[in-house]
Full PDB file with SEQRES, HELIX, SHEET, SSBOND, CRYST1, ORIGX, SCALE, CONECT and MASTER records, all heavy atoms in Angstrom:
SEQRES   1 A   31  SER GLY ILE VAL LYS ALA LEU GLU PHE LEU LYS ILE ASP          
SEQRES   2 A   31  LEU LYS ASP SER TYR ALA PHE GLY ASP GLY ARG ASN ASP          
SEQRES   3 A   31  ILE GLU MET LEU GLN                                          
HELIX    1 AA1 GLY A    2  LEU A   10  1                                   9    
HELIX    2 AA2 LEU A   14  ASP A   16  5                                   3    
HELIX    3 AA3 ARG A   24  ASP A   26  5                                   3    
HELIX    4 AA4 ILE A   27  LEU A   30  1                                   4    
CRYST1    1.000    1.000    1.000  90.00  90.00  90.00 P 1           1          
ORIGX1      1.000000  0.000000  0.000000        0.00000                         
ORIGX2      0.000000  1.000000  0.000000        0.00000                         
ORIGX3      0.000000  0.000000  1.000000        0.00000                         
SCALE1      1.000000  0.000000  0.000000        0.00000                         
SCALE2      0.000000  1.000000  0.000000        0.00000                         
SCALE3      0.000000  0.000000  1.000000        0.00000                         
ATOM      1  N   SER A   1      -2.221  -6.273  -0.128  1.00  0.00           N  
ATOM      2  CA  SER A   1      -1.168  -7.297  -0.144  1.00  0.00           C  
ATOM      3  C   SER A   1      -0.179  -7.062  -1.282  1.00  0.00           C  
ATOM      4  O   SER A   1       1.025  -7.296  -1.127  1.00  0.00           O  
ATOM      5  CB  SER A   1      -1.814  -8.693  -0.285  1.00  0.00           C  
ATOM      6  OG  SER A   1      -2.450  -8.837  -1.545  1.00  0.00           O  
ATOM      7  N   GLY A   2      -0.650  -6.535  -2.401  1.00  0.00           N  
ATOM      8  CA  GLY A   2       0.238  -6.251  -3.521  1.00  0.00           C  
ATOM      9  C   GLY A   2       1.182  -5.101  -3.184  1.00  0.00           C  
ATOM     10  O   GLY A   2       2.376  -5.132  -3.531  1.00  0.00           O  
ATOM     11  N   ILE A   3       0.654  -4.111  -2.451  1.00  0.00           N  
ATOM     12  CA  ILE A   3       1.500  -3.004  -2.011  1.00  0.00           C  
ATOM     13  C   ILE A   3       2.644  -3.492  -1.107  1.00  0.00           C  
ATOM     14  O   ILE A   3       3.787  -3.014  -1.244  1.00  0.00           O  
ATOM     15  CB  ILE A   3       0.632  -1.915  -1.336  1.00  0.00           C  
ATOM     16  CG1 ILE A   3      -0.155  -1.142  -2.387  1.00  0.00           C  
ATOM     17  CG2 ILE A   3       1.491  -0.976  -0.475  1.00  0.00           C  
ATOM     18  CD1 ILE A   3      -1.188  -0.188  -1.811  1.00  0.00           C  
ATOM     19  N   VAL A   4       2.342  -4.353  -0.193  1.00  0.00           N  
ATOM     20  CA  VAL A   4       3.357  -4.860   0.705  1.00  0.00           C  
ATOM     21  C   VAL A   4       4.449  -5.546  -0.066  1.00  0.00           C  
ATOM     22  O   VAL A   4       5.658  -5.376   0.249  1.00  0.00           O  
ATOM     23  CB  VAL A   4       2.720  -5.851   1.726  1.00  0.00           C  
ATOM     24  CG1 VAL A   4       3.788  -6.582   2.508  1.00  0.00           C  
ATOM     25  CG2 VAL A   4       1.806  -5.111   2.691  1.00  0.00           C  
ATOM     26  N   LYS A   5       4.093  -6.321  -1.090  1.00  0.00           N  
ATOM     27  CA  LYS A   5       5.121  -6.970  -1.925  1.00  0.00           C  
ATOM     28  C   LYS A   5       5.985  -5.944  -2.654  1.00  0.00           C  
ATOM     29  O   LYS A   5       7.219  -6.158  -2.761  1.00  0.00           O  
ATOM     30  CB  LYS A   5       4.405  -7.908  -2.916  1.00  0.00           C  
ATOM     31  CG  LYS A   5       3.762  -9.130  -2.247  1.00  0.00           C  
ATOM     32  CD  LYS A   5       3.062 -10.013  -3.254  1.00  0.00           C  
ATOM     33  CE  LYS A   5       2.533 -11.284  -2.606  1.00  0.00           C  
ATOM     34  NZ  LYS A   5       1.453 -10.957  -1.600  1.00  0.00           N  
ATOM     35  N   ALA A   6       5.380  -4.911  -3.171  1.00  0.00           N  
ATOM     36  CA  ALA A   6       6.171  -3.880  -3.862  1.00  0.00           C  
ATOM     37  C   ALA A   6       7.084  -3.147  -2.880  1.00  0.00           C  
ATOM     38  O   ALA A   6       8.291  -2.919  -3.214  1.00  0.00           O  
ATOM     39  CB  ALA A   6       5.242  -2.868  -4.520  1.00  0.00           C  
ATOM     40  N   LEU A   7       6.627  -2.871  -1.690  1.00  0.00           N  
ATOM     41  CA  LEU A   7       7.465  -2.163  -0.692  1.00  0.00           C  
ATOM     42  C   LEU A   7       8.630  -3.046  -0.258  1.00  0.00           C  
ATOM     43  O   LEU A   7       9.771  -2.549  -0.077  1.00  0.00           O  
ATOM     44  CB  LEU A   7       6.627  -1.784   0.494  1.00  0.00           C  
ATOM     45  CG  LEU A   7       5.554  -0.716   0.284  1.00  0.00           C  
ATOM     46  CD1 LEU A   7       4.701  -0.536   1.521  1.00  0.00           C  
ATOM     47  CD2 LEU A   7       6.166   0.590  -0.133  1.00  0.00           C  
ATOM     48  N   GLU A   8       8.375  -4.322  -0.047  1.00  0.00           N  
ATOM     49  CA  GLU A   8       9.445  -5.236   0.339  1.00  0.00           C  
ATOM     50  C   GLU A   8      10.478  -5.361  -0.729  1.00  0.00           C  
ATOM     51  O   GLU A   8      11.693  -5.382  -0.444  1.00  0.00           O  
ATOM     52  CB  GLU A   8       8.840  -6.648   0.657  1.00  0.00           C  
ATOM     53  CG  GLU A   8       7.987  -6.684   1.939  1.00  0.00           C  
ATOM     54  CD  GLU A   8       7.346  -7.998   2.153  1.00  0.00           C  
ATOM     55  OE1 GLU A   8       7.299  -8.821   1.181  1.00  0.00           O  
ATOM     56  OE2 GLU A   8       6.826  -8.281   3.272  1.00  0.00           O  
ATOM     57  N   PHE A   9      10.074  -5.376  -1.997  1.00  0.00           N  
ATOM     58  CA  PHE A   9      11.018  -5.468  -3.098  1.00  0.00           C  
ATOM     59  C   PHE A   9      11.893  -4.198  -3.163  1.00  0.00           C  
ATOM     60  O   PHE A   9      13.094  -4.278  -3.418  1.00  0.00           O  
ATOM     61  CB  PHE A   9      10.227  -5.634  -4.404  1.00  0.00           C  
ATOM     62  CG  PHE A   9      11.106  -5.812  -5.589  1.00  0.00           C  
ATOM     63  CD1 PHE A   9      11.578  -7.067  -5.978  1.00  0.00           C  
ATOM     64  CD2 PHE A   9      11.449  -4.718  -6.410  1.00  0.00           C  
ATOM     65  CE1 PHE A   9      12.367  -7.226  -7.112  1.00  0.00           C  
ATOM     66  CE2 PHE A   9      12.261  -4.896  -7.524  1.00  0.00           C  
ATOM     67  CZ  PHE A   9      12.730  -6.159  -7.862  1.00  0.00           C  
ATOM     68  N   LEU A  10      11.288  -3.063  -2.902  1.00  0.00           N  
ATOM     69  CA  LEU A  10      11.993  -1.779  -2.971  1.00  0.00           C  
ATOM     70  C   LEU A  10      12.758  -1.427  -1.703  1.00  0.00           C  
ATOM     71  O   LEU A  10      13.486  -0.470  -1.643  1.00  0.00           O  
ATOM     72  CB  LEU A  10      11.017  -0.659  -3.314  1.00  0.00           C  
ATOM     73  CG  LEU A  10      10.406  -0.622  -4.706  1.00  0.00           C  
ATOM     74  CD1 LEU A  10       9.274   0.349  -4.776  1.00  0.00           C  
ATOM     75  CD2 LEU A  10      11.474  -0.297  -5.741  1.00  0.00           C  
ATOM     76  N   LYS A  11      12.470  -2.213  -0.628  1.00  0.00           N  
ATOM     77  CA  LYS A  11      13.016  -1.961   0.689  1.00  0.00           C  
ATOM     78  C   LYS A  11      12.598  -0.558   1.230  1.00  0.00           C  
ATOM     79  O   LYS A  11      13.444   0.182   1.748  1.00  0.00           O  
ATOM     80  CB  LYS A  11      14.549  -2.121   0.669  1.00  0.00           C  
ATOM     81  CG  LYS A  11      14.987  -3.555   0.394  1.00  0.00           C  
ATOM     82  CD  LYS A  11      16.480  -3.686   0.404  1.00  0.00           C  
ATOM     83  CE  LYS A  11      16.933  -5.134   0.367  1.00  0.00           C  
ATOM     84  NZ  LYS A  11      16.409  -5.876  -0.833  1.00  0.00           N  
ATOM     85  N   ILE A  12      11.369  -0.257   1.002  1.00  0.00           N  
ATOM     86  CA  ILE A  12      10.794   1.021   1.506  1.00  0.00           C  
ATOM     87  C   ILE A  12       9.921   0.660   2.708  1.00  0.00           C  
ATOM     88  O   ILE A  12       9.072  -0.227   2.641  1.00  0.00           O  
ATOM     89  CB  ILE A  12       9.963   1.760   0.456  1.00  0.00           C  
ATOM     90  CG1 ILE A  12      10.884   2.229  -0.680  1.00  0.00           C  
ATOM     91  CG2 ILE A  12       9.181   2.916   1.025  1.00  0.00           C  
ATOM     92  CD1 ILE A  12      10.167   2.933  -1.842  1.00  0.00           C  
ATOM     93  N   ASP A  13      10.108   1.387   3.809  1.00  0.00           N  
ATOM     94  CA  ASP A  13       9.373   1.135   5.015  1.00  0.00           C  
ATOM     95  C   ASP A  13       7.889   1.446   4.838  1.00  0.00           C  
ATOM     96  O   ASP A  13       7.547   2.400   4.115  1.00  0.00           O  
ATOM     97  CB  ASP A  13       9.926   1.987   6.162  1.00  0.00           C  
ATOM     98  CG  ASP A  13       9.487   1.469   7.531  1.00  0.00           C  
ATOM     99  OD1 ASP A  13       8.314   1.661   7.867  1.00  0.00           O  
ATOM    100  OD2 ASP A  13      10.338   0.900   8.248  1.00  0.00           O  
ATOM    101  N   LEU A  14       7.033   0.684   5.495  1.00  0.00           N  
ATOM    102  CA  LEU A  14       5.590   0.862   5.371  1.00  0.00           C  
ATOM    103  C   LEU A  14       5.170   2.279   5.773  1.00  0.00           C  
ATOM    104  O   LEU A  14       4.257   2.872   5.155  1.00  0.00           O  
ATOM    105  CB  LEU A  14       4.865  -0.136   6.294  1.00  0.00           C  
ATOM    106  CG  LEU A  14       3.386  -0.342   6.016  1.00  0.00           C  
ATOM    107  CD1 LEU A  14       3.136  -0.886   4.636  1.00  0.00           C  
ATOM    108  CD2 LEU A  14       2.784  -1.285   7.095  1.00  0.00           C  
ATOM    109  N   LYS A  15       5.865   2.876   6.712  1.00  0.00           N  
ATOM    110  CA  LYS A  15       5.477   4.234   7.191  1.00  0.00           C  
ATOM    111  C   LYS A  15       5.708   5.264   6.087  1.00  0.00           C  
ATOM    112  O   LYS A  15       5.183   6.372   6.159  1.00  0.00           O  
ATOM    113  CB  LYS A  15       6.246   4.563   8.448  1.00  0.00           C  
ATOM    114  CG  LYS A  15       7.747   4.758   8.268  1.00  0.00           C  
ATOM    115  CD  LYS A  15       8.416   5.144   9.581  1.00  0.00           C  
ATOM    116  CE  LYS A  15       9.899   5.238   9.442  1.00  0.00           C  
ATOM    117  NZ  LYS A  15      10.369   6.196   8.401  1.00  0.00           N  
ATOM    118  N   ASP A  16       6.523   4.913   5.091  1.00  0.00           N  
ATOM    119  CA  ASP A  16       6.845   5.876   4.019  1.00  0.00           C  
ATOM    120  C   ASP A  16       6.004   5.587   2.740  1.00  0.00           C  
ATOM    121  O   ASP A  16       6.348   5.947   1.666  1.00  0.00           O  
ATOM    122  CB  ASP A  16       8.334   5.781   3.666  1.00  0.00           C  
ATOM    123  CG  ASP A  16       9.199   6.293   4.784  1.00  0.00           C  
ATOM    124  OD1 ASP A  16       8.871   7.328   5.386  1.00  0.00           O  
ATOM    125  OD2 ASP A  16      10.226   5.639   5.110  1.00  0.00           O  
ATOM    126  N   SER A  17       4.856   4.932   2.983  1.00  0.00           N  
ATOM    127  CA  SER A  17       3.969   4.619   1.845  1.00  0.00           C  
ATOM    128  C   SER A  17       2.648   5.376   1.975  1.00  0.00           C  
ATOM    129  O   SER A  17       2.165   5.635   3.072  1.00  0.00           O  
ATOM    130  CB  SER A  17       3.705   3.117   1.764  1.00  0.00           C  
ATOM    131  OG  SER A  17       3.016   2.681   2.920  1.00  0.00           O  
ATOM    132  N   TYR A  18       2.076   5.713   0.814  1.00  0.00           N  
ATOM    133  CA  TYR A  18       0.802   6.500   0.760  1.00  0.00           C  
ATOM    134  C   TYR A  18      -0.086   5.851  -0.312  1.00  0.00           C  
ATOM    135  O   TYR A  18       0.433   5.228  -1.247  1.00  0.00           O  
ATOM    136  CB  TYR A  18       1.080   7.947   0.364  1.00  0.00           C  
ATOM    137  CG  TYR A  18       1.970   8.703   1.283  1.00  0.00           C  
ATOM    138  CD1 TYR A  18       3.341   8.482   1.336  1.00  0.00           C  
ATOM    139  CD2 TYR A  18       1.429   9.690   2.141  1.00  0.00           C  
ATOM    140  CE1 TYR A  18       4.156   9.200   2.192  1.00  0.00           C  
ATOM    141  CE2 TYR A  18       2.239  10.404   3.032  1.00  0.00           C  
ATOM    142  CZ  TYR A  18       3.594  10.186   3.022  1.00  0.00           C  
ATOM    143  OH  TYR A  18       4.408  10.879   3.854  1.00  0.00           O  
ATOM    144  N   ALA A  19      -1.372   6.013  -0.163  1.00  0.00           N  
ATOM    145  CA  ALA A  19      -2.284   5.510  -1.175  1.00  0.00           C  
ATOM    146  C   ALA A  19      -3.465   6.449  -1.319  1.00  0.00           C  
ATOM    147  O   ALA A  19      -3.980   6.981  -0.311  1.00  0.00           O  
ATOM    148  CB  ALA A  19      -2.765   4.110  -0.790  1.00  0.00           C  
ATOM    149  N   PHE A  20      -3.905   6.661  -2.543  1.00  0.00           N  
ATOM    150  CA  PHE A  20      -5.107   7.457  -2.871  1.00  0.00           C  
ATOM    151  C   PHE A  20      -6.151   6.503  -3.484  1.00  0.00           C  
ATOM    152  O   PHE A  20      -5.821   5.794  -4.415  1.00  0.00           O  
ATOM    153  CB  PHE A  20      -4.798   8.533  -3.895  1.00  0.00           C  
ATOM    154  CG  PHE A  20      -3.931   9.661  -3.380  1.00  0.00           C  
ATOM    155  CD1 PHE A  20      -2.533   9.494  -3.238  1.00  0.00           C  
ATOM    156  CD2 PHE A  20      -4.465  10.877  -3.085  1.00  0.00           C  
ATOM    157  CE1 PHE A  20      -1.754  10.497  -2.830  1.00  0.00           C  
ATOM    158  CE2 PHE A  20      -3.658  11.961  -2.646  1.00  0.00           C  
ATOM    159  CZ  PHE A  20      -2.276  11.754  -2.481  1.00  0.00           C  
ATOM    160  N   GLY A  21      -7.403   6.570  -2.979  1.00  0.00           N  
ATOM    161  CA  GLY A  21      -8.429   5.719  -3.553  1.00  0.00           C  
ATOM    162  C   GLY A  21      -9.834   6.215  -3.213  1.00  0.00           C  
ATOM    163  O   GLY A  21      -9.995   7.079  -2.408  1.00  0.00           O  
ATOM    164  N   ASP A  22     -10.761   5.559  -3.865  1.00  0.00           N  
ATOM    165  CA  ASP A  22     -12.196   5.992  -3.648  1.00  0.00           C  
ATOM    166  C   ASP A  22     -13.161   4.829  -3.527  1.00  0.00           C  
ATOM    167  O   ASP A  22     -14.262   5.023  -3.092  1.00  0.00           O  
ATOM    168  CB  ASP A  22     -12.644   6.876  -4.811  1.00  0.00           C  
ATOM    169  CG  ASP A  22     -12.915   6.077  -6.060  1.00  0.00           C  
ATOM    170  OD1 ASP A  22     -11.962   5.414  -6.566  1.00  0.00           O  
ATOM    171  OD2 ASP A  22     -14.077   6.048  -6.543  1.00  0.00           O  
ATOM    172  N   GLY A  23     -12.778   3.605  -3.964  1.00  0.00           N  
ATOM    173  CA  GLY A  23     -13.717   2.525  -4.021  1.00  0.00           C  
ATOM    174  C   GLY A  23     -13.591   1.523  -2.903  1.00  0.00           C  
ATOM    175  O   GLY A  23     -12.605   1.552  -2.107  1.00  0.00           O  
ATOM    176  N   ARG A  24     -14.568   0.636  -2.833  1.00  0.00           N  
ATOM    177  CA  ARG A  24     -14.551  -0.387  -1.778  1.00  0.00           C  
ATOM    178  C   ARG A  24     -13.294  -1.251  -1.848  1.00  0.00           C  
ATOM    179  O   ARG A  24     -12.739  -1.697  -0.821  1.00  0.00           O  
ATOM    180  CB  ARG A  24     -15.773  -1.260  -1.902  1.00  0.00           C  
ATOM    181  CG  ARG A  24     -15.895  -2.301  -0.807  1.00  0.00           C  
ATOM    182  CD  ARG A  24     -17.003  -3.313  -1.050  1.00  0.00           C  
ATOM    183  NE  ARG A  24     -16.646  -4.611  -0.442  1.00  0.00           N  
ATOM    184  CZ  ARG A  24     -17.245  -5.729  -0.728  1.00  0.00           C  
ATOM    185  NH1 ARG A  24     -18.195  -5.739  -1.638  1.00  0.00           N  
ATOM    186  NH2 ARG A  24     -16.862  -6.854  -0.153  1.00  0.00           N  
ATOM    187  N   ASN A  25     -12.849  -1.556  -3.100  1.00  0.00           N  
ATOM    188  CA  ASN A  25     -11.621  -2.354  -3.201  1.00  0.00           C  
ATOM    189  C   ASN A  25     -10.333  -1.597  -2.909  1.00  0.00           C  
ATOM    190  O   ASN A  25      -9.221  -2.089  -3.062  1.00  0.00           O  
ATOM    191  CB  ASN A  25     -11.562  -3.037  -4.569  1.00  0.00           C  
ATOM    192  CG  ASN A  25     -11.361  -2.061  -5.707  1.00  0.00           C  
ATOM    193  OD1 ASN A  25     -11.668  -0.869  -5.576  1.00  0.00           O  
ATOM    194  ND2 ASN A  25     -10.891  -2.540  -6.839  1.00  0.00           N  
ATOM    195  N   ASP A  26     -10.489  -0.306  -2.481  1.00  0.00           N  
ATOM    196  CA  ASP A  26      -9.341   0.470  -2.002  1.00  0.00           C  
ATOM    197  C   ASP A  26      -9.192   0.436  -0.504  1.00  0.00           C  
ATOM    198  O   ASP A  26      -8.194   0.917   0.024  1.00  0.00           O  
ATOM    199  CB  ASP A  26      -9.489   1.921  -2.474  1.00  0.00           C  
ATOM    200  CG  ASP A  26      -9.446   2.080  -3.956  1.00  0.00           C  
ATOM    201  OD1 ASP A  26      -8.614   1.369  -4.593  1.00  0.00           O  
ATOM    202  OD2 ASP A  26     -10.206   2.894  -4.503  1.00  0.00           O  
ATOM    203  N   ILE A  27     -10.179  -0.101   0.188  1.00  0.00           N  
ATOM    204  CA  ILE A  27     -10.139  -0.082   1.635  1.00  0.00           C  
ATOM    205  C   ILE A  27      -8.925  -0.768   2.189  1.00  0.00           C  
ATOM    206  O   ILE A  27      -8.236  -0.257   3.084  1.00  0.00           O  
ATOM    207  CB  ILE A  27     -11.441  -0.695   2.224  1.00  0.00           C  
ATOM    208  CG1 ILE A  27     -12.634   0.228   1.960  1.00  0.00           C  
ATOM    209  CG2 ILE A  27     -11.287  -0.960   3.730  1.00  0.00           C  
ATOM    210  CD1 ILE A  27     -13.994  -0.367   2.377  1.00  0.00           C  
ATOM    211  N   GLU A  28      -8.572  -1.941   1.634  1.00  0.00           N  
ATOM    212  CA  GLU A  28      -7.425  -2.710   2.154  1.00  0.00           C  
ATOM    213  C   GLU A  28      -6.161  -1.903   1.996  1.00  0.00           C  
ATOM    214  O   GLU A  28      -5.304  -1.914   2.904  1.00  0.00           O  
ATOM    215  CB  GLU A  28      -7.286  -4.056   1.419  1.00  0.00           C  
ATOM    216  CG  GLU A  28      -8.345  -5.061   1.737  1.00  0.00           C  
ATOM    217  CD  GLU A  28      -9.535  -4.965   0.850  1.00  0.00           C  
ATOM    218  OE1 GLU A  28      -9.646  -3.985   0.077  1.00  0.00           O  
ATOM    219  OE2 GLU A  28     -10.429  -5.890   0.923  1.00  0.00           O  
ATOM    220  N   MET A  29      -6.004  -1.192   0.859  1.00  0.00           N  
ATOM    221  CA  MET A  29      -4.740  -0.470   0.709  1.00  0.00           C  
ATOM    222  C   MET A  29      -4.713   0.786   1.593  1.00  0.00           C  
ATOM    223  O   MET A  29      -3.613   1.149   2.061  1.00  0.00           O  
ATOM    224  CB  MET A  29      -4.487  -0.159  -0.757  1.00  0.00           C  
ATOM    225  CG  MET A  29      -5.283   0.950  -1.418  1.00  0.00           C  
ATOM    226  SD  MET A  29      -4.554   1.322  -3.042  1.00  0.00           S  
ATOM    227  CE  MET A  29      -5.598   2.732  -3.539  1.00  0.00           C  
ATOM    228  N   LEU A  30      -5.827   1.420   1.789  1.00  0.00           N  
ATOM    229  CA  LEU A  30      -5.877   2.570   2.715  1.00  0.00           C  
ATOM    230  C   LEU A  30      -5.499   2.130   4.114  1.00  0.00           C  
ATOM    231  O   LEU A  30      -4.875   2.879   4.872  1.00  0.00           O  
ATOM    232  CB  LEU A  30      -7.268   3.222   2.674  1.00  0.00           C  
ATOM    233  CG  LEU A  30      -7.664   3.882   1.356  1.00  0.00           C  
ATOM    234  CD1 LEU A  30      -9.089   4.382   1.471  1.00  0.00           C  
ATOM    235  CD2 LEU A  30      -6.745   4.988   0.941  1.00  0.00           C  
ATOM    236  N   GLN A  31      -5.915   0.937   4.487  1.00  0.00           N  
ATOM    237  CA  GLN A  31      -5.579   0.379   5.819  1.00  0.00           C  
ATOM    238  C   GLN A  31      -4.120  -0.032   5.900  1.00  0.00           C  
ATOM    239  O   GLN A  31      -3.503   0.004   6.975  1.00  0.00           O  
ATOM    240  CB  GLN A  31      -6.454  -0.810   6.136  1.00  0.00           C  
ATOM    241  CG  GLN A  31      -7.919  -0.484   6.379  1.00  0.00           C  
ATOM    242  CD  GLN A  31      -8.726  -1.732   6.638  1.00  0.00           C  
ATOM    243  OE1 GLN A  31      -8.826  -2.601   5.775  1.00  0.00           O  
ATOM    244  NE2 GLN A  31      -9.237  -1.863   7.826  1.00  0.00           N  
TER     245      GLN A  31                                                      
MASTER        0    0    0    4    0    0    0    6  244    1    0    3          
END                                                                             
């Protein structure tokens, strides 16, 4: 949800976003 807010602020399309993670609390951002 935080990533979506940052993207909206920057006016960057969701398809142009990437995330690197390893933990359970990274699942939402990977999705």
